[in-house]
Amino acid sequence: MAAYPPLTCSLPWEKLNGKVQTHNLLVRWTDDRFIRARVYSELIWKPALVAAGVIPASTKDANSRTRFTTSHKEGLHQLRHLYASVTLAARSPSRNSPSTSATPTPVSLSVSTRT
């Protein structure tokens, strides 16, 4: 933590004109900017799923944009559920644990491989 201290970030909560909240971010890009979920999903998460054989390789749409074929089973939100389940299994306090999140019970990462 001394080498890479948290980045303080203030953003509106839940909606663009929501109450601004400030949090310390531990994970960020190398240029010290916060990571947007959509960008992380497209640049990191989905290519990792392709490499692991969980989802098919990306294709290009009519505008030459990269597109991945995924469902809710492989989406980035599943990573949040996995984190909550792992911290519960380790009995570590977590803000994402079911007692403080919208998920009432532990869930497992459920992905299917395509053949």
Protein backbone atom coordinates (compact mmCIF):
# COMPACT_ATOMS: atom_id res chain seq x y z
CA MET A 1 0.00 0.00 0.00
CA ALA A 2 2.91 2.34 0.55
CA ALA A 3 4.12 1.92 -3.04
CA TYR A 4 0.61 2.27 -4.50
CA PRO A 5 -1.61 4.24 -2.11
CA PRO A 6 -5.38 4.29 -2.71
CA LEU A 7 -6.72 6.80 -5.22
CA THR A 8 -9.37 9.09 -3.74
CA CYS A 9 -12.31 9.36 -6.11
CA SER A 10 -15.56 11.33 -5.76
CA LEU A 11 -18.46 10.40 -8.01
CA PRO A 12 -22.26 10.68 -7.96
CA TRP A 13 -23.97 7.62 -6.49
CA GLU A 14 -26.51 5.51 -8.44
CA LYS A 15 -27.34 8.20 -11.01
CA LEU A 16 -25.59 11.11 -12.71
CA ASN A 17 -27.19 13.70 -10.44
CA GLY A 18 -27.01 11.48 -7.33
CA LYS A 19 -25.33 12.38 -4.07
CA VAL A 20 -21.55 12.60 -4.52
CA GLN A 21 -19.63 10.05 -2.47
CA THR A 22 -15.89 9.77 -1.98
CA HIS A 23 -14.09 6.43 -1.79
CA ASN A 24 -10.53 5.17 -1.89
CA LEU A 25 -9.89 2.98 -4.93
CA LEU A 26 -7.25 0.27 -4.59
CA VAL A 27 -7.33 -0.89 -8.21
CA ARG A 28 -6.79 1.55 -11.04
CA TRP A 29 -5.18 1.88 -14.46
CA THR A 30 -1.45 2.59 -14.66
CA ASP A 31 -2.17 6.28 -15.39
CA ASP A 32 -3.92 6.60 -11.98
CA ARG A 33 -7.39 6.90 -13.50
CA PHE A 34 -10.25 4.87 -12.08
CA ILE A 35 -11.42 1.80 -13.96
CA ARG A 36 -14.83 2.03 -15.61
CA ALA A 37 -16.65 -1.30 -15.41
CA ARG A 38 -17.60 -1.30 -19.09
CA VAL A 39 -14.02 -0.65 -20.21
CA TYR A 40 -12.65 -3.31 -17.84
CA SER A 41 -15.24 -5.78 -19.09
CA GLU A 42 -14.36 -5.23 -22.76
CA LEU A 43 -10.57 -4.95 -22.42
CA ILE A 44 -9.78 -7.38 -19.59
CA TRP A 45 -12.67 -9.60 -18.45
CA LYS A 46 -14.09 -10.79 -21.79
CA PRO A 47 -10.71 -11.43 -23.45
CA ALA A 48 -9.76 -13.49 -20.36
CA LEU A 49 -12.97 -15.51 -20.76
CA VAL A 50 -12.08 -16.11 -24.42
CA ALA A 51 -8.56 -17.22 -23.47
CA ALA A 52 -10.02 -19.62 -20.88
CA GLY A 53 -12.42 -21.07 -23.47
CA VAL A 54 -15.52 -19.90 -21.59
CA ILE A 55 -16.91 -17.72 -24.40
CA PRO A 56 -16.23 -17.71 -28.16
CA ALA A 57 -13.72 -15.34 -29.73
CA SER A 58 -14.87 -11.82 -30.47
CA THR A 59 -16.17 -10.71 -33.85
CA LYS A 60 -16.31 -7.34 -35.59
CA ASP A 61 -19.64 -5.63 -36.22
CA ALA A 62 -20.55 -3.54 -39.29
CA ASN A 63 -18.68 -0.56 -37.78
CA SER A 64 -15.53 -2.63 -37.10
CA ARG A 65 -16.17 -2.61 -33.33
CA THR A 66 -15.17 -5.68 -31.33
CA ARG A 67 -18.17 -7.62 -30.03
CA PHE A 68 -18.26 -10.55 -27.60
CA THR A 69 -21.11 -13.03 -27.21
CA THR A 70 -21.90 -13.39 -23.50
CA SER A 71 -24.84 -13.97 -21.21
CA HIS A 72 -25.46 -13.01 -17.59
CA LYS A 73 -23.70 -16.25 -16.59
CA GLU A 74 -20.34 -14.95 -17.81
CA GLY A 75 -20.82 -11.25 -17.19
CA LEU A 76 -18.66 -9.04 -15.03
CA HIS A 77 -21.34 -9.01 -12.31
CA GLN A 78 -20.52 -12.68 -11.67
CA LEU A 79 -17.07 -11.56 -10.54
CA ARG A 80 -18.72 -9.55 -7.76
CA HIS A 81 -20.68 -12.62 -6.66
CA LEU A 82 -17.53 -14.74 -6.73
CA TYR A 83 -15.70 -12.18 -4.56
CA ALA A 84 -18.56 -12.11 -2.04
CA SER A 85 -18.69 -15.92 -1.90
CA VAL A 86 -14.92 -16.28 -1.47
CA THR A 87 -14.79 -13.70 1.32
CA LEU A 88 -17.72 -15.39 3.05
CA ALA A 89 -16.04 -18.78 2.76
CA ALA A 90 -12.88 -17.30 4.27
CA ARG A 91 -15.01 -15.62 6.94
CA SER A 92 -13.47 -12.28 6.05
CA PRO A 93 -15.49 -9.14 6.61
CA SER A 94 -16.61 -7.75 3.29
CA ARG A 95 -18.81 -4.86 2.27
CA ASN A 96 -19.99 -7.16 -0.49
CA SER A 97 -21.09 -9.90 1.85
CA PRO A 98 -24.76 -10.91 1.72
CA SER A 99 -25.52 -9.16 4.98
CA THR A 100 -24.70 -5.81 3.38
CA SER A 101 -25.45 -6.42 -0.29
CA ALA A 102 -28.52 -7.20 -2.32
CA THR A 103 -27.54 -10.88 -2.52
CA PRO A 104 -29.06 -12.74 0.46
CA THR A 105 -26.95 -15.90 0.25
CA PRO A 106 -23.55 -16.93 -1.11
CA VAL A 107 -23.53 -17.70 -4.81
CA SER A 108 -21.00 -19.48 -6.96
CA LEU A 109 -19.47 -18.47 -10.26
CA SER A 110 -21.57 -20.28 -12.81
CA VAL A 111 -20.09 -20.40 -16.28
CA SER A 112 -20.53 -22.82 -19.10
CA THR A 113 -17.98 -23.75 -21.70
CA ARG A 114 -19.09 -23.79 -25.29
CA THR A 115 -18.06 -26.52 -27.67
